[in-house]
C-alpha atoms as a PDB file:
ATOM      1  CA  MET A   1     139.295 -15.795 200.596  1.00  0.00           C
ATOM      2  CA  ALA A   2     137.670 -12.372 200.946  1.00  0.00           C
ATOM      3  CA  SER A   3     137.601  -9.966 198.013  1.00  0.00           C
ATOM      4  CA  ASP A   4     138.808  -6.352 198.253  1.00  0.00           C
ATOM      5  CA  ASP A   5     135.215  -5.129 198.516  1.00  0.00           C
ATOM      6  CA  GLU A   6     134.488  -7.580 201.318  1.00  0.00           C
ATOM      7  CA  ASN A   7     137.616  -6.477 203.185  1.00  0.00           C
ATOM      8  CA  GLN A   8     136.551  -2.834 202.946  1.00  0.00           C
ATOM      9  CA  GLN A   9     133.147  -3.637 204.449  1.00  0.00           C
ATOM     10  CA  SER A  10     134.463  -6.018 207.074  1.00  0.00           C
ATOM     11  CA  PRO A  11     134.126  -4.936 210.718  1.00  0.00           C
ATOM     12  CA  PHE A  12     137.743  -6.121 211.120  1.00  0.00           C
ATOM     13  CA  ALA A  13     138.918  -3.428 208.699  1.00  0.00           C
ATOM     14  CA  LYS A  14     138.674  -0.586 211.235  1.00  0.00           C
ATOM     15  CA  PRO A  15     141.848   1.571 211.100  1.00  0.00           C
ATOM     16  CA  GLY A  16     142.726   1.056 214.755  1.00  0.00           C
ATOM     17  CA  PHE A  17     142.475  -2.685 214.480  1.00  0.00           C
ATOM     18  CA  LEU A  18     144.480  -2.812 211.267  1.00  0.00           C
ATOM     19  CA  ILE A  19     147.320  -1.025 213.007  1.00  0.00           C
ATOM     20  CA  SER A  20     147.209  -3.098 216.171  1.00  0.00           C
ATOM     21  CA  ALA A  21     146.698  -6.543 214.660  1.00  0.00           C
ATOM     22  CA  VAL A  22     146.920  -7.002 210.911  1.00  0.00           C
ATOM     23  CA  ILE A  23     149.985  -4.854 210.340  1.00  0.00           C
ATOM     24  CA  VAL A  24     151.596  -6.310 213.450  1.00  0.00           C
ATOM     25  CA  VAL A  25     151.148  -9.849 212.220  1.00  0.00           C
ATOM     26  CA  LEU A  26     152.510  -8.948 208.799  1.00  0.00           C
ATOM     27  CA  VAL A  27     155.637  -7.546 210.402  1.00  0.00           C
ATOM     28  CA  VAL A  28     156.141 -10.265 212.979  1.00  0.00           C
ATOM     29  CA  VAL A  29     154.811 -13.543 211.649  1.00  0.00           C
ATOM     30  CA  ALA A  30     155.912 -13.031 208.064  1.00  0.00           C
ATOM     31  CA  GLY A  31     158.152 -10.016 208.448  1.00  0.00           C
ATOM     32  CA  VAL A  32     161.062 -11.628 206.667  1.00  0.00           C
ATOM     33  CA  PHE A  33     158.971 -11.810 203.518  1.00  0.00           C
ATOM     34  CA  LEU A  34     158.032  -8.146 203.432  1.00  0.00           C
ATOM     35  CA  GLY A  35     161.388  -7.359 201.817  1.00  0.00           C
ATOM     36  CA  ILE A  36     160.285  -9.331 198.760  1.00  0.00           C
ATOM     37  CA  MET A  37     158.062  -6.453 197.734  1.00  0.00           C
ATOM     38  CA  ASN A  38     160.992  -4.016 197.663  1.00  0.00           C
ATOM     39  CA  ALA A  39     163.679  -6.475 196.605  1.00  0.00           C
ATOM     40  CA  THR A  40     161.803  -7.752 193.542  1.00  0.00           C
ATOM     41  CA  ARG A  41     159.491  -4.911 192.494  1.00  0.00           C
ATOM     42  CA  ASP A  42     162.107  -3.184 190.339  1.00  0.00           C
ATOM     43  CA  GLU A  43     164.155  -6.290 189.525  1.00  0.00           C
ATOM     44  CA  PRO A  44     165.268  -6.351 185.823  1.00  0.00           C
ATOM     45  CA  GLU A  45     163.681  -9.125 183.778  1.00  0.00           C
ATOM     46  CA  SER A  46     167.098 -10.530 182.911  1.00  0.00           C
ATOM     47  CA  ASP A  47     167.628 -11.463 186.564  1.00  0.00           C
ATOM     48  CA  ALA A  48     164.721 -13.903 186.395  1.00  0.00           C
ATOM     49  CA  ALA A  49     166.686 -16.207 184.122  1.00  0.00           C
ATOM     50  CA  THR A  50     169.771 -16.267 186.325  1.00  0.00           C
ATOM     51  CA  PRO A  51     168.850 -16.096 190.021  1.00  0.00           C
ATOM     52  CA  ALA A  52     171.906 -15.633 192.185  1.00  0.00           C
ATOM     53  CA  PRO A  53     172.884 -18.609 194.350  1.00  0.00           C
ATOM     54  CA  SER A  54     172.817 -18.235 198.092  1.00  0.00           C
ATOM     55  CA  SER A  55     175.835 -18.830 200.284  1.00  0.00           C
ATOM     56  CA  ALA A  56     173.830 -18.575 203.506  1.00  0.00           C
ATOM     57  CA  THR A  57     172.066 -21.942 203.513  1.00  0.00           C
ATOM     58  CA  PRO A  58     172.528 -23.554 206.938  1.00  0.00           C
ATOM     59  CA  THR A  59     174.484 -26.780 207.176  1.00  0.00           C
ATOM     60  CA  PRO A  60     172.163 -29.685 208.149  1.00  0.00           C
ATOM     61  CA  THR A  61     173.104 -31.808 211.127  1.00  0.00           C
ATOM     62  CA  THR A  62     172.612 -34.864 208.906  1.00  0.00           C
ATOM     63  CA  GLU A  63     173.331 -34.528 205.186  1.00  0.00           C
ATOM     64  CA  PRO A  64     173.434 -37.633 202.969  1.00  0.00           C
ATOM     65  CA  ALA A  65     176.258 -37.546 200.441  1.00  0.00           C
ATOM     66  CA  ASP A  66     175.470 -37.369 196.707  1.00  0.00           C
ATOM     67  CA  MET A  67     171.748 -37.121 197.417  1.00  0.00           C
ATOM     68  CA  PRO A  68     169.526 -37.111 194.314  1.00  0.00           C
ATOM     69  CA  SER A  69     167.341 -33.996 194.264  1.00  0.00           C
ATOM     70  CA  GLY A  70     164.140 -36.031 194.597  1.00  0.00           C
ATOM     71  CA  ASP A  71     165.201 -37.819 197.782  1.00  0.00           C
ATOM     72  CA  SER A  72     164.473 -36.476 201.232  1.00  0.00           C
ATOM     73  CA  VAL A  73     167.281 -34.380 202.696  1.00  0.00           C
ATOM     74  CA  CYS A  74     167.141 -36.549 205.822  1.00  0.00           C
ATOM     75  CA  ASN A  75     165.831 -39.767 204.248  1.00  0.00           C
ATOM     76  CA  LEU A  76     162.326 -39.217 205.635  1.00  0.00           C
ATOM     77  CA  ALA A  77     160.108 -42.029 204.384  1.00  0.00           C
ATOM     78  CA  GLY A  78     156.523 -41.942 203.118  1.00  0.00           C
ATOM     79  CA  GLU A  79     156.780 -40.145 199.773  1.00  0.00           C
ATOM     80  CA  SER A  80     153.457 -39.492 198.014  1.00  0.00           C
ATOM     81  CA  LEU A  81     153.321 -37.742 194.632  1.00  0.00           C
ATOM     82  CA  SER A  82     149.587 -37.047 194.602  1.00  0.00           C
ATOM     83  CA  GLY A  83     146.667 -36.546 196.943  1.00  0.00           C
ATOM     84  CA  THR A  84     144.969 -33.969 199.129  1.00  0.00           C
ATOM     85  CA  LEU A  85     143.717 -33.612 202.712  1.00  0.00           C
ATOM     86  CA  ALA A  86     140.106 -33.499 203.843  1.00  0.00           C
ATOM     87  CA  THR A  87     140.848 -34.045 207.543  1.00  0.00           C
ATOM     88  CA  ALA A  88     143.551 -32.705 209.815  1.00  0.00           C
ATOM     89  CA  PRO A  89     146.633 -34.902 210.292  1.00  0.00           C
ATOM     90  CA  GLU A  90     147.703 -35.796 213.819  1.00  0.00           C
ATOM     91  CA  ALA A  91     150.293 -33.469 215.248  1.00  0.00           C
ATOM     92  CA  THR A  92     152.121 -32.643 218.450  1.00  0.00           C
ATOM     93  CA  TRP A  93     151.990 -28.878 218.945  1.00  0.00           C
ATOM     94  CA  GLU A  94     155.028 -27.171 220.379  1.00  0.00           C
ATOM     95  CA  TYR A  95     155.699 -23.499 221.075  1.00  0.00           C
ATOM     96  CA  GLN A  96     158.094 -20.840 219.908  1.00  0.00           C
ATOM     97  CA  ASP A  97     157.422 -17.949 222.284  1.00  0.00           C
ATOM     98  CA  THR A  98     153.595 -17.730 222.193  1.00  0.00           C
ATOM     99  CA  LEU A  99     153.233 -19.268 218.730  1.00  0.00           C
ATOM    100  CA  ALA A 100     152.237 -22.922 218.360  1.00  0.00           C
ATOM    101  CA  TYR A 101     153.632 -25.032 215.526  1.00  0.00           C
ATOM    102  CA  PRO A 102     152.895 -28.675 214.576  1.00  0.00           C
ATOM    103  CA  THR A 103     155.450 -31.468 214.690  1.00  0.00           C
ATOM    104  CA  SER A 104     155.303 -35.113 213.678  1.00  0.00           C
ATOM    105  CA  PRO A 105     157.898 -37.906 213.478  1.00  0.00           C
ATOM    106  CA  GLU A 106     156.191 -38.956 210.236  1.00  0.00           C
ATOM    107  CA  PHE A 107     155.604 -35.622 208.486  1.00  0.00           C
ATOM    108  CA  GLY A 108     158.336 -33.405 209.977  1.00  0.00           C
ATOM    109  CA  PRO A 109     160.210 -31.392 210.913  1.00  0.00           C
ATOM    110  CA  ALA A 110     162.631 -34.281 211.257  1.00  0.00           C
ATOM    111  CA  GLU A 111     165.815 -32.259 211.763  1.00  0.00           C
ATOM    112  CA  THR A 112     166.985 -29.090 213.506  1.00  0.00           C
ATOM    113  CA  ASP A 113     170.308 -27.520 212.567  1.00  0.00           C
ATOM    114  CA  LEU A 114     172.798 -25.637 214.719  1.00  0.00           C
ATOM    115  CA  ASP A 115     171.001 -22.338 213.985  1.00  0.00           C
ATOM    116  CA  SER A 116     167.721 -23.777 215.362  1.00  0.00           C
ATOM    117  CA  VAL A 117     166.241 -24.063 211.870  1.00  0.00           C
ATOM    118  CA  ARG A 118     163.627 -26.833 211.779  1.00  0.00           C
ATOM    119  CA  TYR A 119     163.602 -28.570 208.414  1.00  0.00           C
ATOM    120  CA  CYS A 120     163.070 -31.837 206.494  1.00  0.00           C
ATOM    121  CA  PHE A 121     159.405 -32.454 205.784  1.00  0.00           C
ATOM    122  CA  GLN A 122     157.828 -35.467 204.132  1.00  0.00           C
ATOM    123  CA  ARG A 123     157.205 -35.335 200.392  1.00  0.00           C
ATOM    124  CA  SER A 124     153.442 -35.629 200.772  1.00  0.00           C
ATOM    125  CA  PRO A 125     150.402 -33.352 201.191  1.00  0.00           C
ATOM    126  CA  GLU A 126     150.863 -33.682 204.958  1.00  0.00           C
ATOM    127  CA  GLY A 127     154.550 -32.793 204.735  1.00  0.00           C
ATOM    128  CA  ALA A 128     153.796 -29.696 202.658  1.00  0.00           C
ATOM    129  CA  LEU A 129     151.161 -28.647 205.192  1.00  0.00           C
ATOM    130  CA  PHE A 130     153.565 -29.091 208.114  1.00  0.00           C
ATOM    131  CA  ALA A 131     156.248 -27.132 206.217  1.00  0.00           C
ATOM    132  CA  ALA A 132     153.864 -24.219 205.664  1.00  0.00           C
ATOM    133  CA  ALA A 133     152.641 -24.252 209.274  1.00  0.00           C
ATOM    134  CA  ASN A 134     156.199 -24.279 210.599  1.00  0.00           C
ATOM    135  CA  ALA A 135     157.085 -21.453 208.217  1.00  0.00           C
ATOM    136  CA  ALA A 136     154.350 -19.314 209.755  1.00  0.00           C
ATOM    137  CA  VAL A 137     156.177 -19.552 213.087  1.00  0.00           C
ATOM    138  CA  GLN A 138     159.848 -19.773 212.092  1.00  0.00           C
ATOM    139  CA  SER A 139     159.608 -16.395 210.337  1.00  0.00           C
ATOM    140  CA  SER A 140     159.451 -14.861 213.820  1.00  0.00           C
ATOM    141  CA  GLY A 141     162.416 -14.780 216.182  1.00  0.00           C
ATOM    142  CA  PRO A 142     166.209 -14.471 216.138  1.00  0.00           C
ATOM    143  CA  ALA A 143     166.729 -17.474 213.833  1.00  0.00           C
ATOM    144  CA  SER A 144     164.480 -16.021 211.113  1.00  0.00           C
ATOM    145  CA  GLY A 145     167.416 -14.989 208.909  1.00  0.00           C
ATOM    146  CA  SER A 146     168.954 -18.469 208.873  1.00  0.00           C
ATOM    147  CA  TRP A 147     165.551 -20.009 208.362  1.00  0.00           C
ATOM    148  CA  ILE A 148     164.577 -17.910 205.334  1.00  0.00           C
ATOM    149  CA  SER A 149     167.954 -18.528 203.685  1.00  0.00           C
ATOM    150  CA  TYR A 150     167.128 -22.233 203.871  1.00  0.00           C
ATOM    151  CA  PHE A 151     163.419 -22.035 203.070  1.00  0.00           C
ATOM    152  CA  LEU A 152     163.441 -19.578 200.154  1.00  0.00           C
ATOM    153  CA  SER A 153     163.771 -21.393 196.817  1.00  0.00           C
ATOM    154  CA  GLU A 154     166.903 -20.886 194.758  1.00  0.00           C
ATOM    155  CA  LYS A 155     164.547 -20.072 191.856  1.00  0.00           C
ATOM    156  CA  THR A 156     163.192 -16.962 193.591  1.00  0.00           C
ATOM    157  CA  VAL A 157     163.698 -13.810 191.516  1.00  0.00           C
ATOM    158  CA  GLY A 158     166.073 -11.423 193.294  1.00  0.00           C
ATOM    159  CA  ARG A 159     166.833 -13.997 195.973  1.00  0.00           C
ATOM    160  CA  GLN A 160     170.297 -12.781 196.949  1.00  0.00           C
ATOM    161  CA  GLU A 161     169.168  -9.158 197.160  1.00  0.00           C
ATOM    162  CA  LEU A 162     166.250 -10.211 199.319  1.00  0.00           C
ATOM    163  CA  LEU A 163     168.461 -12.143 201.731  1.00  0.00           C
ATOM    164  CA  THR A 164     170.811  -9.177 201.980  1.00  0.00           C
ATOM    165  CA  ASP A 165     167.974  -6.749 202.796  1.00  0.00           C
ATOM    166  CA  ILE A 166     166.208  -8.879 205.404  1.00  0.00           C
ATOM    167  CA  ALA A 167     166.683  -7.950 209.043  1.00  0.00           C
ATOM    168  CA  PRO A 168     166.124 -10.651 211.701  1.00  0.00           C
ATOM    169  CA  SER A 169     162.762 -10.565 213.438  1.00  0.00           C
ATOM    170  CA  THR A 170     162.749  -9.441 217.059  1.00  0.00           C
ATOM    171  CA  GLY A 171     160.009 -11.880 218.029  1.00  0.00           C
ATOM    172  CA  THR A 172     156.334 -11.697 218.872  1.00  0.00           C
ATOM    173  CA  PRO A 173     154.898  -8.656 220.698  1.00  0.00           C
ATOM    174  CA  PRO A 174     153.796  -9.708 224.202  1.00  0.00           C
ATOM    175  CA  ASP A 175     150.243  -8.441 223.683  1.00  0.00           C
ATOM    176  CA  MET A 176     149.674 -10.402 220.456  1.00  0.00           C
ATOM    177  CA  ARG A 177     148.452 -13.965 220.106  1.00  0.00           C
ATOM    178  CA  LEU A 178     148.340 -15.835 216.827  1.00  0.00           C
ATOM    179  CA  SER A 179     147.174 -19.386 216.312  1.00  0.00           C
ATOM    180  CA  ILE A 180     146.784 -21.573 213.246  1.00  0.00           C
ATOM    181  CA  GLU A 181     143.114 -22.512 213.051  1.00  0.00           C
ATOM    182  CA  GLY A 182     142.645 -24.296 209.720  1.00  0.00           C
ATOM    183  CA  PHE A 183     143.980 -25.081 206.267  1.00  0.00           C
ATOM    184  CA  LYS A 184     143.177 -25.867 202.655  1.00  0.00           C
ATOM    185  CA  VAL A 185     145.372 -27.889 200.312  1.00  0.00           C
ATOM    186  CA  LEU A 186     144.722 -25.915 197.130  1.00  0.00           C
ATOM    187  CA  ALA A 187     147.055 -27.980 194.929  1.00  0.00           C
ATOM    188  CA  TYR A 188     149.530 -30.836 195.227  1.00  0.00           C
ATOM    189  CA  ASP A 189     151.406 -32.957 192.673  1.00  0.00           C
ATOM    190  CA  GLY A 190     154.571 -34.050 194.473  1.00  0.00           C
ATOM    191  CA  SER A 191     156.721 -31.397 192.788  1.00  0.00           C
ATOM    192  CA  SER A 192     154.762 -28.400 194.036  1.00  0.00           C
ATOM    193  CA  ALA A 193     152.101 -27.604 196.597  1.00  0.00           C
ATOM    194  CA  ARG A 194     149.865 -24.660 197.416  1.00  0.00           C
ATOM    195  CA  ILE A 195     148.786 -24.448 201.050  1.00  0.00           C
ATOM    196  CA  ASP A 196     146.284 -21.922 202.425  1.00  0.00           C
ATOM    197  CA  LEU A 197     146.592 -21.395 206.186  1.00  0.00           C
ATOM    198  CA  ALA A 198     143.953 -19.609 208.245  1.00  0.00           C
ATOM    199  CA  ALA A 199     145.142 -17.948 211.432  1.00  0.00           C
ATOM    200  CA  ARG A 200     143.369 -16.267 214.321  1.00  0.00           C
ATOM    201  CA  ILE A 201     144.977 -13.033 215.473  1.00  0.00           C
ATOM    202  CA  ALA A 202     144.225 -11.364 218.800  1.00  0.00           C
ATOM    203  CA  ALA A 203     145.728  -7.990 219.695  1.00  0.00           C
ATOM    204  CA  SER A 204     144.621  -4.893 221.589  1.00  0.00           C
ATOM    205  CA  GLY A 205     141.404  -6.585 222.614  1.00  0.00           C
ATOM    206  CA  GLU A 206     140.352  -7.342 219.028  1.00  0.00           C
ATOM    207  CA  THR A 207     140.239 -10.590 217.055  1.00  0.00           C
ATOM    208  CA  SER A 208     140.473 -11.206 213.327  1.00  0.00           C
ATOM    209  CA  TYR A 209     141.278 -13.960 210.863  1.00  0.00           C
ATOM    210  CA  MET A 210     143.824 -13.978 208.068  1.00  0.00           C
ATOM    211  CA  SER A 211     144.604 -16.236 205.150  1.00  0.00           C
ATOM    212  CA  THR A 212     148.180 -16.837 204.022  1.00  0.00           C
ATOM    213  CA  ILE A 213     149.036 -18.883 200.932  1.00  0.00           C
ATOM    214  CA  TYR A 214     152.342 -20.738 200.663  1.00  0.00           C
ATOM    215  CA  ASP A 215     153.487 -21.684 197.156  1.00  0.00           C
ATOM    216  CA  LEU A 216     155.923 -24.541 197.747  1.00  0.00           C
ATOM    217  CA  VAL A 217     158.263 -26.512 195.494  1.00  0.00           C
ATOM    218  CA  TRP A 218     160.166 -29.721 196.206  1.00  0.00           C
ATOM    219  CA  GLU A 219     163.805 -28.658 195.944  1.00  0.00           C
ATOM    220  CA  ASP A 220     166.995 -30.277 197.236  1.00  0.00           C
ATOM    221  CA  GLY A 221     165.051 -32.860 199.206  1.00  0.00           C
ATOM    222  CA  ASP A 222     162.692 -30.547 201.096  1.00  0.00           C
ATOM    223  CA  TRP A 223     159.799 -28.126 200.672  1.00  0.00           C
ATOM    224  CA  LYS A 224     160.868 -24.577 199.776  1.00  0.00           C
ATOM    225  CA  LEU A 225     158.934 -21.360 199.208  1.00  0.00           C
ATOM    226  CA  LEU A 226     158.734 -20.041 195.637  1.00  0.00           C
ATOM    227  CA  PRO A 227     156.613 -16.842 195.653  1.00  0.00           C
ATOM    228  CA  GLN A 228     154.368 -16.420 192.616  1.00  0.00           C
ATOM    229  CA  ASN A 229     153.519 -12.760 193.174  1.00  0.00           C
ATOM    230  CA  SER A 230     156.351 -10.415 194.142  1.00  0.00           C
ATOM    231  CA  SER A 231     153.943  -7.656 195.208  1.00  0.00           C
ATOM    232  CA  ASN A 232     152.143  -9.972 197.671  1.00  0.00           C
ATOM    233  CA  PRO A 233     154.383 -13.037 198.100  1.00  0.00           C
ATOM    234  CA  LEU A 234     152.221 -14.767 200.715  1.00  0.00           C
ATOM    235  CA  ARG A 235     148.896 -13.450 199.368  1.00  0.00           C
ATOM    236  CA  PHE A 236     147.776 -12.127 202.732  1.00  0.00           C
ATOM    237  CA  ALA A 237     144.048 -11.454 203.023  1.00  0.00           C
ATOM    238  CA  GLN A 238     141.659 -10.847 205.868  1.00  0.00           C
ATOM    239  CA  ILE A 239     138.828 -13.394 205.956  1.00  0.00           C
ATOM    240  CA  PRO A 240     135.518 -13.039 207.813  1.00  0.00           C
ATOM    241  CA  ASP A 241     135.566 -16.511 209.363  1.00  0.00           C
ATOM    242  CA  LEU A 242     136.909 -20.040 208.997  1.00  0.00           C
ATOM    243  CA  ALA A 243     134.227 -21.335 206.655  1.00  0.00           C
ATOM    244  CA  GLY A 244     135.664 -23.773 204.110  1.00  0.00           C
ATOM    245  CA  TYR A 245     138.829 -24.508 206.094  1.00  0.00           C
ATOM    246  CA  VAL A 246     139.687 -27.876 207.597  1.00  0.00           C
ATOM    247  CA  PRO A 247     139.908 -27.224 211.369  1.00  0.00           C
ATOM    248  CA  TRP A 248     143.452 -27.679 212.702  1.00  0.00           C
ATOM    249  CA  ARG A 249     144.825 -26.185 215.889  1.00  0.00           C
ATOM    250  CA  GLY A 250     147.070 -26.895 218.805  1.00  0.00           C
END
C-alpha cells in the first residue's frame, strides 16, 4: 500500500484526476461507508460498550431456526478455520450495472433476499474474499441501504446513527468503470478476516488503482464488516500498480 509521501508524488494524484476518479469511486463504490467518518468521529466513549441494535436487518429467504452463531446462515458447507490464498479461486463473474462481482456455489453468495441483498458466504478464506468483493459492488445502487444494514457488524460503534444517516446510492456514473483486479488475504483465523482488494478505476480518460481493506468478523452465520478505524473505515489508498496482489478479475 502506498505511503502518504508516495501518494503525493504519484502521477495519479493530479487534482483533476482526483476529482474525476478517486473521489467519484469513494462516493459511489463505498459511498455508504462515508457516513462512518461523521457518525463515529464524535461518538462518546460510553457508546462503544453498548452499540445500539439494528432493526433494519433484511429477512433472509431461508433462515434456519435456532441457528448457533457459528453455523452458516444458510447451511453453506466447507467451513475452514485457518488458511490463506496464494492463487485466485474460481468464480463466475456477474454484473451490477457496469460493476463485476464474483459468485460461486461453493463460496457464495448463496442467498439473495427480497431486497436484492446477496449474502451467505462460506466460513473460509475464499468465503471472506467473496464477501469483500461483493461488498465493493453492493455498496452501489438502490439496495445499498438494505445491504449495509445487513453487512455492518452489530459491534460497530455508532451503528444505529450511521444507518440513520446513510442515504441510498444512486448507482455508478455512466462514464466510470471500476473492476476488481487483485487481492491479498492479510489475515484469517475463522473468526475474523482482513481482505485487501485492489481495483482499477477509469474515469474522464484517466486510470488509477486503489486499495480497499475490509475488516471482517464471523457474526450470526455470515461475514460482516467491523471497521477498525472510524476516520478511514475501509482504509482507502491509491497504489501505483498491482505489484504484490494475487491477480483476480472477471
